[in-house]
Amino acid sequence: MDLADQLDQLRKEIEHDDRVRENVIPMAREATRKCSEAVKEIHRGNYEGAEEFIKEAHSVLKKAEEKCDESDFISKNKYLDTGYQELTEAANLLSILKDGKYTPGSEYGVLTRSYLTGLGDTIGELRRATLDALRREEVNRAEEILGFMEDILEELSGFDFPDSLIPGLRRKTDVGRRIIEKTRGDVTNAVQQQRLMEQLKEFGSKL
């Protein structure tokens, strides 16, 4: 077999990989979009709608995995990592706000790295939920959500490994730490304001 024939076989292999890639990328984007819709519904309080989007996103990712398996090259790359990170974020945001618990990665077949980084992203969405609670003057609820944020950060900070082993996690924990510090200040101010209002009411009732 001359060089031209050898390279022709390699070209066909890469062309096959490219066809698989072109099928997988839109599926990954669709899953990410559905997760974004789920997050929107969660913040609106539409938990049932969010659950449906999460199920749909998971279904799309499973189909994408099957498509990835058609190519050794594609299956060993990270085309679905972002989708699974978004799924982790949406699923945990829902379970925390709805049931006060975390969703394990095993429930959706999320690999370790995607689960950890997705959990890190959850902190930002929980801040939004905390601020929503404060606007509704639900200070106790805001404190509760802040507790989950702090719990996530504390646990993720224990994964003190090089970025090459858990890409992006250290940056996400640094961002999460700043978000929590800011949120803690917002909640503290709200608590103090609530106490002041209670004292004024008590004082007014004595007059």
N, C-alpha and C. Protein backbone atom coordinates (compact mmCIF):
# COMPACT_ATOMS: atom_id res chain seq x y z
N MET A 1 0.86 -1.21 0.00
CA MET A 1 0.00 0.00 0.00
C MET A 1 0.89 1.25 0.00
N ASP A 2 0.68 2.10 -1.02
CA ASP A 2 1.51 3.30 -1.08
C ASP A 2 0.96 4.36 -0.13
N LEU A 3 1.70 5.46 0.00
CA LEU A 3 1.35 6.51 0.96
C LEU A 3 -0.02 7.10 0.67
N ALA A 4 -0.33 7.31 -0.61
CA ALA A 4 -1.62 7.91 -0.97
C ALA A 4 -2.78 7.05 -0.46
N ASP A 5 -2.66 5.73 -0.60
CA ASP A 5 -3.73 4.83 -0.13
C ASP A 5 -3.83 4.87 1.39
N GLN A 6 -2.68 4.91 2.07
CA GLN A 6 -2.69 4.97 3.54
C GLN A 6 -3.38 6.24 4.02
N LEU A 7 -3.00 7.37 3.40
CA LEU A 7 -3.58 8.63 3.83
C LEU A 7 -5.06 8.74 3.47
N ASP A 8 -5.45 8.06 2.40
CA ASP A 8 -6.86 8.07 2.02
C ASP A 8 -7.70 7.39 3.10
N GLN A 9 -7.19 6.31 3.68
CA GLN A 9 -7.89 5.63 4.76
C GLN A 9 -7.99 6.54 6.00
N LEU A 10 -6.90 7.24 6.28
CA LEU A 10 -6.91 8.15 7.43
C LEU A 10 -7.87 9.30 7.21
N ARG A 11 -7.92 9.77 5.94
CA ARG A 11 -8.84 10.87 5.62
C ARG A 11 -10.29 10.43 5.83
N LYS A 12 -10.60 9.21 5.43
CA LYS A 12 -11.96 8.71 5.61
C LYS A 12 -12.31 8.59 7.09
N GLU A 13 -11.33 8.19 7.90
CA GLU A 13 -11.56 8.09 9.34
C GLU A 13 -11.88 9.47 9.93
N ILE A 14 -11.10 10.47 9.53
CA ILE A 14 -11.29 11.82 10.07
C ILE A 14 -12.61 12.41 9.55
N GLU A 15 -12.94 12.12 8.29
CA GLU A 15 -14.22 12.60 7.76
C GLU A 15 -15.39 12.01 8.54
N HIS A 16 -15.25 10.75 8.94
CA HIS A 16 -16.29 10.11 9.76
C HIS A 16 -16.37 10.81 11.12
N ASP A 17 -15.20 11.08 11.72
CA ASP A 17 -15.18 11.78 13.00
C ASP A 17 -15.87 13.14 12.87
N ASP A 18 -15.63 13.81 11.76
CA ASP A 18 -16.20 15.14 11.55
C ASP A 18 -17.71 15.07 11.43
N ARG A 19 -18.22 14.03 10.76
CA ARG A 19 -19.68 13.86 10.65
C ARG A 19 -20.30 13.63 12.02
N VAL A 20 -19.64 12.84 12.84
CA VAL A 20 -20.14 12.59 14.19
C VAL A 20 -20.13 13.90 14.99
N ARG A 21 -19.03 14.64 14.88
CA ARG A 21 -18.91 15.92 15.59
C ARG A 21 -20.02 16.87 15.19
N GLU A 22 -20.32 16.94 13.90
CA GLU A 22 -21.35 17.85 13.42
C GLU A 22 -22.74 17.47 13.93
N ASN A 23 -22.92 16.20 14.25
CA ASN A 23 -24.18 15.75 14.84
C ASN A 23 -24.24 16.03 16.34
N VAL A 24 -23.09 15.88 17.00
CA VAL A 24 -23.04 15.99 18.46
C VAL A 24 -23.15 17.43 18.93
N ILE A 25 -22.46 18.34 18.26
CA ILE A 25 -22.42 19.74 18.72
C ILE A 25 -23.81 20.37 18.82
N PRO A 26 -24.69 20.22 17.81
CA PRO A 26 -26.04 20.79 17.97
C PRO A 26 -26.82 20.16 19.12
N MET A 27 -26.60 18.88 19.36
CA MET A 27 -27.28 18.21 20.46
C MET A 27 -26.81 18.75 21.80
N ALA A 28 -25.50 18.99 21.91
CA ALA A 28 -24.95 19.56 23.15
C ALA A 28 -25.51 20.96 23.38
N ARG A 29 -25.63 21.73 22.31
CA ARG A 29 -26.19 23.08 22.42
C ARG A 29 -27.66 23.03 22.83
N GLU A 30 -28.38 22.07 22.28
CA GLU A 30 -29.80 21.94 22.63
C GLU A 30 -29.96 21.60 24.11
N ALA A 31 -29.13 20.70 24.61
CA ALA A 31 -29.19 20.34 26.02
C ALA A 31 -28.89 21.54 26.90
N THR A 32 -27.88 22.32 26.51
CA THR A 32 -27.52 23.52 27.26
C THR A 32 -28.67 24.51 27.27
N ARG A 33 -29.32 24.68 26.13
CA ARG A 33 -30.46 25.60 26.04
C ARG A 33 -31.60 25.16 26.95
N LYS A 34 -31.88 23.86 26.97
CA LYS A 34 -32.95 23.34 27.81
C LYS A 34 -32.63 23.54 29.30
N CYS A 35 -31.36 23.40 29.65
CA CYS A 35 -30.96 23.63 31.04
C CYS A 35 -31.14 25.10 31.41
N SER A 36 -30.82 25.99 30.47
CA SER A 36 -31.02 27.43 30.71
C SER A 36 -32.49 27.74 30.91
N GLU A 37 -33.34 27.10 30.12
CA GLU A 37 -34.79 27.28 30.28
C GLU A 37 -35.25 26.75 31.63
N ALA A 38 -34.65 25.63 32.05
CA ALA A 38 -35.00 25.06 33.35
C ALA A 38 -34.67 26.04 34.48
N VAL A 39 -33.50 26.66 34.40
CA VAL A 39 -33.09 27.64 35.43
C VAL A 39 -34.06 28.81 35.47
N LYS A 40 -34.48 29.29 34.30
CA LYS A 40 -35.44 30.39 34.25
C LYS A 40 -36.75 30.01 34.94
N GLU A 41 -37.22 28.79 34.67
CA GLU A 41 -38.47 28.33 35.27
C GLU A 41 -38.33 28.16 36.78
N ILE A 42 -37.18 27.74 37.22
CA ILE A 42 -36.95 27.58 38.66
C ILE A 42 -37.08 28.93 39.35
N HIS A 43 -36.45 29.95 38.79
CA HIS A 43 -36.51 31.29 39.40
C HIS A 43 -37.93 31.87 39.34
N ARG A 44 -38.73 31.38 38.40
CA ARG A 44 -40.12 31.81 38.33
C ARG A 44 -41.01 31.03 39.29
N GLY A 45 -40.43 30.00 39.90
CA GLY A 45 -41.19 29.16 40.82
C GLY A 45 -41.95 28.05 40.13
N ASN A 46 -41.72 27.87 38.84
CA ASN A 46 -42.38 26.81 38.07
C ASN A 46 -41.52 25.55 38.10
N TYR A 47 -41.55 24.83 39.22
CA TYR A 47 -40.69 23.68 39.40
C TYR A 47 -41.05 22.52 38.47
N GLU A 48 -42.32 22.33 38.21
CA GLU A 48 -42.73 21.25 37.31
C GLU A 48 -42.21 21.48 35.90
N GLY A 49 -42.32 22.70 35.44
CA GLY A 49 -41.80 23.03 34.12
C GLY A 49 -40.30 22.84 34.05
N ALA A 50 -39.61 23.22 35.12
CA ALA A 50 -38.15 23.05 35.17
C ALA A 50 -37.77 21.58 35.13
N GLU A 51 -38.50 20.75 35.86
CA GLU A 51 -38.22 19.32 35.86
C GLU A 51 -38.34 18.73 34.46
N GLU A 52 -39.33 19.21 33.71
CA GLU A 52 -39.52 18.72 32.35
C GLU A 52 -38.35 19.11 31.46
N PHE A 53 -37.88 20.34 31.57
CA PHE A 53 -36.73 20.77 30.78
C PHE A 53 -35.48 19.97 31.14
N ILE A 54 -35.30 19.69 32.43
CA ILE A 54 -34.14 18.92 32.88
C ILE A 54 -34.19 17.50 32.32
N LYS A 55 -35.36 16.89 32.34
CA LYS A 55 -35.52 15.54 31.77
C LYS A 55 -35.21 15.54 30.28
N GLU A 56 -35.69 16.57 29.59
CA GLU A 56 -35.45 16.67 28.15
C GLU A 56 -33.96 16.85 27.86
N ALA A 57 -33.30 17.69 28.66
CA ALA A 57 -31.86 17.91 28.48
C ALA A 57 -31.08 16.62 28.70
N HIS A 58 -31.46 15.87 29.73
CA HIS A 58 -30.79 14.60 30.01
C HIS A 58 -30.99 13.63 28.86
N SER A 59 -32.19 13.57 28.32
CA SER A 59 -32.47 12.68 27.19
C SER A 59 -31.62 13.03 25.97
N VAL A 60 -31.50 14.32 25.70
CA VAL A 60 -30.68 14.76 24.56
C VAL A 60 -29.22 14.38 24.78
N LEU A 61 -28.72 14.56 25.99
CA LEU A 61 -27.33 14.23 26.29
C LEU A 61 -27.06 12.72 26.16
N LYS A 62 -28.02 11.92 26.56
CA LYS A 62 -27.85 10.46 26.42
C LYS A 62 -27.77 10.07 24.95
N LYS A 63 -28.61 10.68 24.13
CA LYS A 63 -28.57 10.41 22.69
C LYS A 63 -27.25 10.89 22.10
N ALA A 64 -26.78 12.02 22.58
CA ALA A 64 -25.50 12.55 22.11
C ALA A 64 -24.35 11.62 22.49
N GLU A 65 -24.43 11.03 23.67
CA GLU A 65 -23.42 10.07 24.10
C GLU A 65 -23.37 8.87 23.15
N GLU A 66 -24.54 8.39 22.78
CA GLU A 66 -24.61 7.26 21.85
C GLU A 66 -23.98 7.63 20.51
N LYS A 67 -24.22 8.85 20.08
CA LYS A 67 -23.62 9.31 18.82
C LYS A 67 -22.10 9.42 18.97
N CYS A 68 -21.63 9.90 20.12
CA CYS A 68 -20.19 10.02 20.36
C CYS A 68 -19.49 8.66 20.28
N ASP A 69 -20.18 7.63 20.72
CA ASP A 69 -19.59 6.29 20.73
C ASP A 69 -19.29 5.76 19.33
N GLU A 70 -19.82 6.43 18.32
CA GLU A 70 -19.55 6.01 16.95
C GLU A 70 -18.14 6.41 16.50
N SER A 71 -17.48 7.23 17.30
CA SER A 71 -16.13 7.69 16.96
C SER A 71 -15.24 7.63 18.19
N ASP A 72 -14.14 6.90 18.11
CA ASP A 72 -13.21 6.82 19.24
C ASP A 72 -12.68 8.20 19.60
N PHE A 73 -12.37 8.99 18.58
CA PHE A 73 -11.80 10.32 18.82
C PHE A 73 -12.80 11.22 19.53
N ILE A 74 -14.02 11.27 19.03
CA ILE A 74 -15.05 12.14 19.61
C ILE A 74 -15.41 11.69 21.02
N SER A 75 -15.48 10.39 21.23
CA SER A 75 -15.88 9.86 22.54
C SER A 75 -14.85 10.21 23.62
N LYS A 76 -13.60 10.43 23.22
CA LYS A 76 -12.55 10.73 24.19
C LYS A 76 -12.37 12.23 24.40
N ASN A 77 -13.14 13.03 23.69
CA ASN A 77 -13.04 14.47 23.86
C ASN A 77 -14.19 15.00 24.72
N LYS A 78 -14.28 16.31 24.87
CA LYS A 78 -15.15 16.89 25.89
C LYS A 78 -16.32 17.67 25.30
N TYR A 79 -16.90 17.14 24.25
CA TYR A 79 -17.97 17.86 23.58
C TYR A 79 -19.22 17.99 24.44
N LEU A 80 -19.40 17.10 25.40
CA LEU A 80 -20.62 17.12 26.22
C LEU A 80 -20.40 17.66 27.63
N ASP A 81 -19.17 18.04 27.93
CA ASP A 81 -18.87 18.50 29.30
C ASP A 81 -19.73 19.69 29.71
N THR A 82 -19.83 20.68 28.83
CA THR A 82 -20.61 21.87 29.17
C THR A 82 -22.08 21.52 29.40
N GLY A 83 -22.61 20.64 28.55
CA GLY A 83 -23.99 20.22 28.71
C GLY A 83 -24.24 19.57 30.06
N TYR A 84 -23.31 18.71 30.48
CA TYR A 84 -23.47 18.03 31.76
C TYR A 84 -23.24 19.00 32.94
N GLN A 85 -22.37 19.97 32.76
CA GLN A 85 -22.20 21.00 33.79
C GLN A 85 -23.50 21.77 33.98
N GLU A 86 -24.12 22.16 32.87
CA GLU A 86 -25.37 22.91 32.94
C GLU A 86 -26.48 22.05 33.55
N LEU A 87 -26.48 20.77 33.23
CA LEU A 87 -27.47 19.86 33.80
C LEU A 87 -27.29 19.75 35.32
N THR A 88 -26.04 19.64 35.75
CA THR A 88 -25.74 19.59 37.18
C THR A 88 -26.23 20.85 37.89
N GLU A 89 -25.95 21.99 37.28
CA GLU A 89 -26.35 23.27 37.86
C GLU A 89 -27.87 23.36 38.00
N ALA A 90 -28.59 23.05 36.91
CA ALA A 90 -30.05 23.16 36.92
C ALA A 90 -30.67 22.17 37.89
N ALA A 91 -30.19 20.92 37.89
CA ALA A 91 -30.75 19.90 38.75
C ALA A 91 -30.55 20.22 40.22
N ASN A 92 -29.37 20.73 40.57
CA ASN A 92 -29.10 21.07 41.97
C ASN A 92 -29.83 22.32 42.40
N LEU A 93 -29.93 23.29 41.52
CA LEU A 93 -30.68 24.50 41.85
C LEU A 93 -32.13 24.13 42.17
N LEU A 94 -32.69 23.25 41.35
CA LEU A 94 -34.07 22.82 41.56
C LEU A 94 -34.23 22.06 42.87
N SER A 95 -33.38 21.07 43.10
CA SER A 95 -33.55 20.24 44.30
C SER A 95 -33.27 21.02 45.58
N ILE A 96 -32.34 21.98 45.53
CA ILE A 96 -32.04 22.79 46.71
C ILE A 96 -33.22 23.70 47.05
N LEU A 97 -33.73 24.41 46.05
CA LEU A 97 -34.81 25.35 46.30
C LEU A 97 -36.14 24.66 46.56
N LYS A 98 -36.36 23.53 45.93
CA LYS A 98 -37.63 22.82 46.06
C LYS A 98 -37.67 21.91 47.28
N ASP A 99 -36.58 21.16 47.49
CA ASP A 99 -36.59 20.12 48.54
C ASP A 99 -35.51 20.28 49.59
N GLY A 100 -34.64 21.27 49.42
CA GLY A 100 -33.58 21.46 50.40
C GLY A 100 -32.55 20.36 50.41
N LYS A 101 -32.24 19.81 49.24
CA LYS A 101 -31.25 18.73 49.15
C LYS A 101 -30.49 18.83 47.83
N TYR A 102 -29.39 18.08 47.75
CA TYR A 102 -28.56 18.08 46.54
C TYR A 102 -28.93 16.91 45.63
N THR A 103 -28.64 17.08 44.35
CA THR A 103 -28.85 16.01 43.37
C THR A 103 -27.50 15.39 43.04
N PRO A 104 -27.29 14.11 43.35
CA PRO A 104 -26.00 13.48 43.05
C PRO A 104 -25.77 13.32 41.55
N GLY A 105 -24.52 13.32 41.16
CA GLY A 105 -24.20 13.17 39.75
C GLY A 105 -24.66 11.85 39.18
N SER A 106 -24.71 10.83 40.02
CA SER A 106 -25.11 9.50 39.56
C SER A 106 -26.54 9.46 39.04
N GLU A 107 -27.38 10.40 39.49
CA GLU A 107 -28.77 10.41 39.06
C GLU A 107 -28.90 10.65 37.56
N TYR A 108 -27.94 11.40 37.01
CA TYR A 108 -27.98 11.70 35.58
C TYR A 108 -26.74 11.21 34.84
N GLY A 109 -25.95 10.39 35.50
CA GLY A 109 -24.75 9.86 34.85
C GLY A 109 -23.71 10.92 34.54
N VAL A 110 -23.60 11.92 35.40
CA VAL A 110 -22.64 13.00 35.17
C VAL A 110 -21.26 12.58 35.68
N LEU A 111 -20.24 12.76 34.88
CA LEU A 111 -18.89 12.42 35.27
C LEU A 111 -18.37 13.40 36.32
N THR A 112 -17.36 12.97 37.05
CA THR A 112 -16.86 13.70 38.21
C THR A 112 -16.54 15.15 37.94
N ARG A 113 -15.72 15.42 36.92
CA ARG A 113 -15.27 16.80 36.67
C ARG A 113 -16.45 17.71 36.31
N SER A 114 -17.33 17.22 35.46
CA SER A 114 -18.48 18.04 35.06
C SER A 114 -19.40 18.30 36.24
N TYR A 115 -19.51 17.32 37.14
CA TYR A 115 -20.37 17.51 38.30
C TYR A 115 -19.80 18.58 39.23
N LEU A 116 -18.51 18.51 39.49
CA LEU A 116 -17.89 19.46 40.42
C LEU A 116 -17.96 20.89 39.89
N THR A 117 -17.64 21.07 38.62
CA THR A 117 -17.66 22.42 38.06
C THR A 117 -19.10 22.92 37.91
N GLY A 118 -20.02 22.02 37.60
CA GLY A 118 -21.42 22.41 37.53
C GLY A 118 -21.97 22.83 38.88
N LEU A 119 -21.53 22.12 39.91
CA LEU A 119 -21.95 22.47 41.27
C LEU A 119 -21.41 23.84 41.66
N GLY A 120 -20.19 24.13 41.20
CA GLY A 120 -19.61 25.45 41.46
C GLY A 120 -20.44 26.56 40.83
N ASP A 121 -20.97 26.31 39.63
CA ASP A 121 -21.80 27.31 38.96
C ASP A 121 -23.12 27.55 39.69
N THR A 122 -23.56 26.56 40.46
CA THR A 122 -24.83 26.68 41.17
C THR A 122 -24.82 27.84 42.17
N ILE A 123 -23.64 28.16 42.69
CA ILE A 123 -23.53 29.24 43.68
C ILE A 123 -24.08 30.55 43.13
N GLY A 124 -23.76 30.86 41.88
CA GLY A 124 -24.23 32.11 41.28
C GLY A 124 -25.75 32.16 41.17
N GLU A 125 -26.36 31.05 40.78
CA GLU A 125 -27.82 31.01 40.66
C GLU A 125 -28.48 31.07 42.03
N LEU A 126 -27.83 30.50 43.03
CA LEU A 126 -28.37 30.57 44.39
C LEU A 126 -28.32 32.01 44.92
N ARG A 127 -27.32 32.77 44.50
CA ARG A 127 -27.29 34.19 44.89
C ARG A 127 -28.53 34.89 44.35
N ARG A 128 -28.87 34.62 43.11
CA ARG A 128 -30.05 35.23 42.52
C ARG A 128 -31.30 34.86 43.32
N ALA A 129 -31.38 33.59 43.73
CA ALA A 129 -32.53 33.15 44.53
C ALA A 129 -32.55 33.84 45.89
N THR A 130 -31.36 34.07 46.44
CA THR A 130 -31.26 34.76 47.73
C THR A 130 -31.77 36.19 47.61
N LEU A 131 -31.35 36.88 46.56
CA LEU A 131 -31.80 38.26 46.35
C LEU A 131 -33.31 38.33 46.11
N ASP A 132 -33.83 37.33 45.39
CA ASP A 132 -35.28 37.28 45.16
C ASP A 132 -36.01 37.15 46.50
N ALA A 133 -35.46 36.30 47.38
CA ALA A 133 -36.07 36.12 48.70
C ALA A 133 -36.03 37.41 49.51
N LEU A 134 -34.91 38.13 49.42
CA LEU A 134 -34.79 39.39 50.15
C LEU A 134 -35.79 40.43 49.63
N ARG A 135 -36.00 40.44 48.31
CA ARG A 135 -36.98 41.38 47.75
C ARG A 135 -38.40 41.06 48.22
N ARG A 136 -38.62 39.77 48.51
CA ARG A 136 -39.94 39.37 49.03
C ARG A 136 -39.99 39.52 50.55
N GLU A 137 -38.90 40.05 51.12
CA GLU A 137 -38.76 40.22 52.57
C GLU A 137 -38.79 38.89 53.32
N GLU A 138 -38.31 37.83 52.66
CA GLU A 138 -38.22 36.51 53.27
C GLU A 138 -36.77 36.31 53.73
N VAL A 139 -36.43 36.98 54.81
CA VAL A 139 -35.05 36.98 55.29
C VAL A 139 -34.60 35.59 55.74
N ASN A 140 -35.46 34.86 56.41
CA ASN A 140 -35.10 33.51 56.86
C ASN A 140 -34.80 32.60 55.68
N ARG A 141 -35.60 32.74 54.64
CA ARG A 141 -35.38 31.94 53.42
C ARG A 141 -34.04 32.31 52.80
N ALA A 142 -33.73 33.59 52.77
CA ALA A 142 -32.46 34.06 52.21
C ALA A 142 -31.28 33.48 53.00
N GLU A 143 -31.41 33.45 54.32
CA GLU A 143 -30.36 32.88 55.16
C GLU A 143 -30.19 31.38 54.88
N GLU A 144 -31.29 30.72 54.67
CA GLU A 144 -31.25 29.28 54.38
C GLU A 144 -30.51 29.00 53.07
N ILE A 145 -30.83 29.77 52.05
CA ILE A 145 -30.17 29.58 50.75
C ILE A 145 -28.69 29.92 50.84
N LEU A 146 -28.37 30.98 51.57
CA LEU A 146 -26.97 31.33 51.78
C LEU A 146 -26.21 30.18 52.43
N GLY A 147 -26.86 29.47 53.33
CA GLY A 147 -26.24 28.32 53.97
C GLY A 147 -25.85 27.25 52.97
N PHE A 148 -26.69 27.02 51.97
CA PHE A 148 -26.36 26.06 50.91
C PHE A 148 -25.17 26.55 50.09
N MET A 149 -25.14 27.83 49.80
CA MET A 149 -24.02 28.39 49.05
C MET A 149 -22.71 28.17 49.79
N GLU A 150 -22.73 28.44 51.09
CA GLU A 150 -21.53 28.28 51.90
C GLU A 150 -21.12 26.81 51.99
N ASP A 151 -22.10 25.94 52.06
CA ASP A 151 -21.83 24.50 52.13
C ASP A 151 -21.14 24.01 50.86
N ILE A 152 -21.65 24.46 49.71
CA ILE A 152 -21.06 24.06 48.43
C ILE A 152 -19.62 24.53 48.34
N LEU A 153 -19.39 25.81 48.68
CA LEU A 153 -18.04 26.35 48.61
C LEU A 153 -17.09 25.60 49.53
N GLU A 154 -17.52 25.33 50.74
CA GLU A 154 -16.67 24.64 51.70
C GLU A 154 -16.26 23.26 51.18
N GLU A 155 -17.23 22.53 50.63
CA GLU A 155 -16.93 21.19 50.14
C GLU A 155 -16.05 21.21 48.89
N LEU A 156 -16.33 22.13 47.97
CA LEU A 156 -15.53 22.21 46.74
C LEU A 156 -14.10 22.67 47.03
N SER A 157 -13.95 23.50 48.06
CA SER A 157 -12.61 23.98 48.41
C SER A 157 -11.71 22.84 48.89
N GLY A 158 -12.32 21.74 49.29
CA GLY A 158 -11.54 20.59 49.71
C GLY A 158 -10.90 19.84 48.55
N PHE A 159 -11.32 20.14 47.33
CA PHE A 159 -10.72 19.50 46.15
C PHE A 159 -9.55 20.35 45.68
N ASP A 160 -8.50 20.35 46.46
CA ASP A 160 -7.33 21.18 46.19
C ASP A 160 -6.36 20.45 45.27
N PHE A 161 -6.74 20.35 44.00
CA PHE A 161 -5.93 19.65 43.01
C PHE A 161 -5.54 20.61 41.89
N PRO A 162 -4.49 20.28 41.15
CA PRO A 162 -4.08 21.15 40.03
C PRO A 162 -5.20 21.29 39.01
N ASP A 163 -5.18 22.40 38.30
CA ASP A 163 -6.19 22.68 37.29
C ASP A 163 -6.18 21.62 36.19
N SER A 164 -5.06 20.99 35.98
CA SER A 164 -4.97 19.95 34.95
C SER A 164 -5.79 18.72 35.32
N LEU A 165 -6.05 18.53 36.60
CA LEU A 165 -6.85 17.38 37.05
C LEU A 165 -8.34 17.71 37.12
N ILE A 166 -8.67 18.94 37.53
CA ILE A 166 -10.07 19.38 37.55
C ILE A 166 -10.11 20.75 36.88
N PRO A 167 -10.14 20.78 35.56
CA PRO A 167 -10.09 22.07 34.84
C PRO A 167 -11.22 23.02 35.24
N GLY A 168 -10.83 24.23 35.62
CA GLY A 168 -11.81 25.27 35.88
C GLY A 168 -12.35 25.33 37.30
N LEU A 169 -12.13 24.29 38.09
CA LEU A 169 -12.76 24.27 39.41
C LEU A 169 -12.18 25.34 40.33
N ARG A 170 -10.88 25.51 40.33
CA ARG A 170 -10.27 26.50 41.22
C ARG A 170 -10.78 27.91 40.91
N ARG A 171 -10.92 28.22 39.64
CA ARG A 171 -11.44 29.54 39.25
C ARG A 171 -12.89 29.69 39.71
N LYS A 172 -13.67 28.64 39.56
CA LYS A 172 -15.07 28.70 39.97
C LYS A 172 -15.21 28.85 41.48
N THR A 173 -14.35 28.22 42.25
CA THR A 173 -14.42 28.39 43.70
C THR A 173 -14.00 29.79 44.11
N ASP A 174 -13.03 30.37 43.39
CA ASP A 174 -12.63 31.76 43.68
C ASP A 174 -13.78 32.72 43.39
N VAL A 175 -14.45 32.49 42.26
CA VAL A 175 -15.61 33.33 41.92
C VAL A 175 -16.72 33.11 42.94
N GLY A 176 -16.95 31.86 43.30
CA GLY A 176 -17.98 31.53 44.27
C GLY A 176 -17.73 32.19 45.62
N ARG A 177 -16.47 32.25 46.01
CA ARG A 177 -16.12 32.89 47.30
C ARG A 177 -16.49 34.37 47.29
N ARG A 178 -16.21 35.04 46.18
CA ARG A 178 -16.55 36.47 46.08
C ARG A 178 -18.06 36.67 46.07
N ILE A 179 -18.76 35.79 45.38
CA ILE A 179 -20.22 35.88 45.32
C ILE A 179 -20.82 35.71 46.72
N ILE A 180 -20.30 34.75 47.46
CA ILE A 180 -20.82 34.48 48.80
C ILE A 180 -20.54 35.64 49.75
N GLU A 181 -19.35 36.22 49.66
CA GLU A 181 -19.02 37.37 50.52
C GLU A 181 -20.00 38.52 50.27
N LYS A 182 -20.29 38.75 49.01
CA LYS A 182 -21.23 39.82 48.66
C LYS A 182 -22.63 39.49 49.14
N THR A 183 -23.03 38.24 48.96
CA THR A 183 -24.37 37.80 49.37
C THR A 183 -24.51 37.84 50.88
N ARG A 184 -23.46 37.45 51.57
CA ARG A 184 -23.50 37.48 53.04
C ARG A 184 -23.72 38.91 53.53
N GLY A 185 -23.09 39.86 52.88
CA GLY A 185 -23.29 41.27 53.24
C GLY A 185 -24.72 41.71 53.01
N ASP A 186 -25.31 41.28 51.89
CA ASP A 186 -26.70 41.62 51.59
C ASP A 186 -27.65 41.05 52.64
N VAL A 187 -27.41 39.78 52.99
CA VAL A 187 -28.28 39.12 53.97
C VAL A 187 -28.11 39.75 55.35
N THR A 188 -26.86 40.05 55.72
CA THR A 188 -26.60 40.68 57.02
C THR A 188 -27.32 42.01 57.14
N ASN A 189 -27.26 42.81 56.08
CA ASN A 189 -27.96 44.10 56.09
C ASN A 189 -29.47 43.92 56.24
N ALA A 190 -30.00 42.89 55.55
CA ALA A 190 -31.43 42.63 55.62
C ALA A 190 -31.84 42.19 57.02
N VAL A 191 -31.00 41.36 57.65
CA VAL A 191 -31.28 40.89 59.01
C VAL A 191 -31.29 42.07 59.98
N GLN A 192 -30.30 42.92 59.84
CA GLN A 192 -30.22 44.09 60.73
C GLN A 192 -31.41 45.02 60.53
N GLN A 193 -31.80 45.19 59.28
CA GLN A 193 -32.94 46.05 58.98
C GLN A 193 -34.22 45.45 59.55
N GLN A 194 -34.36 44.13 59.45
CA GLN A 194 -35.53 43.46 60.00
C GLN A 194 -35.60 43.63 61.52
N ARG A 195 -34.47 43.49 62.17
CA ARG A 195 -34.42 43.65 63.63
C ARG A 195 -34.78 45.08 64.03
N LEU A 196 -34.28 46.03 63.25
CA LEU A 196 -34.58 47.43 63.53
C LEU A 196 -36.07 47.70 63.40
N MET A 197 -36.69 47.16 62.35
CA MET A 197 -38.11 47.35 62.14
C MET A 197 -38.92 46.72 63.28
N GLU A 198 -38.47 45.54 63.73
CA GLU A 198 -39.16 44.88 64.84
C GLU A 198 -39.05 45.70 66.12
N GLN A 199 -37.88 46.28 66.34
CA GLN A 199 -37.68 47.11 67.53
C GLN A 199 -38.54 48.36 67.47
N LEU A 200 -38.65 48.96 66.28
CA LEU A 200 -39.48 50.15 66.12
C LEU A 200 -40.95 49.83 66.35
N LYS A 201 -41.38 48.66 65.85
CA LYS A 201 -42.77 48.25 66.08
C LYS A 201 -43.04 48.02 67.55
N GLU A 202 -42.07 47.38 68.18
CA GLU A 202 -42.23 47.12 69.62
C GLU A 202 -42.27 48.43 70.41
N PHE A 203 -41.39 49.34 70.01
CA PHE A 203 -41.37 50.64 70.68
C PHE A 203 -42.68 51.39 70.44
N GLY A 204 -43.17 51.33 69.19
CA GLY A 204 -44.40 52.01 68.86
C GLY A 204 -45.60 51.45 69.60
N SER A 205 -45.60 50.15 69.84
CA SER A 205 -46.73 49.53 70.56
C SER A 205 -46.76 49.93 72.03
N LYS A 206 -45.64 50.38 72.55
CA LYS A 206 -45.56 50.77 73.95
C LYS A 206 -45.98 52.22 74.18
N LEU A 207 -46.04 52.97 73.07
CA LEU A 207 -46.41 54.38 73.20
C LEU A 207 -47.92 54.55 73.43
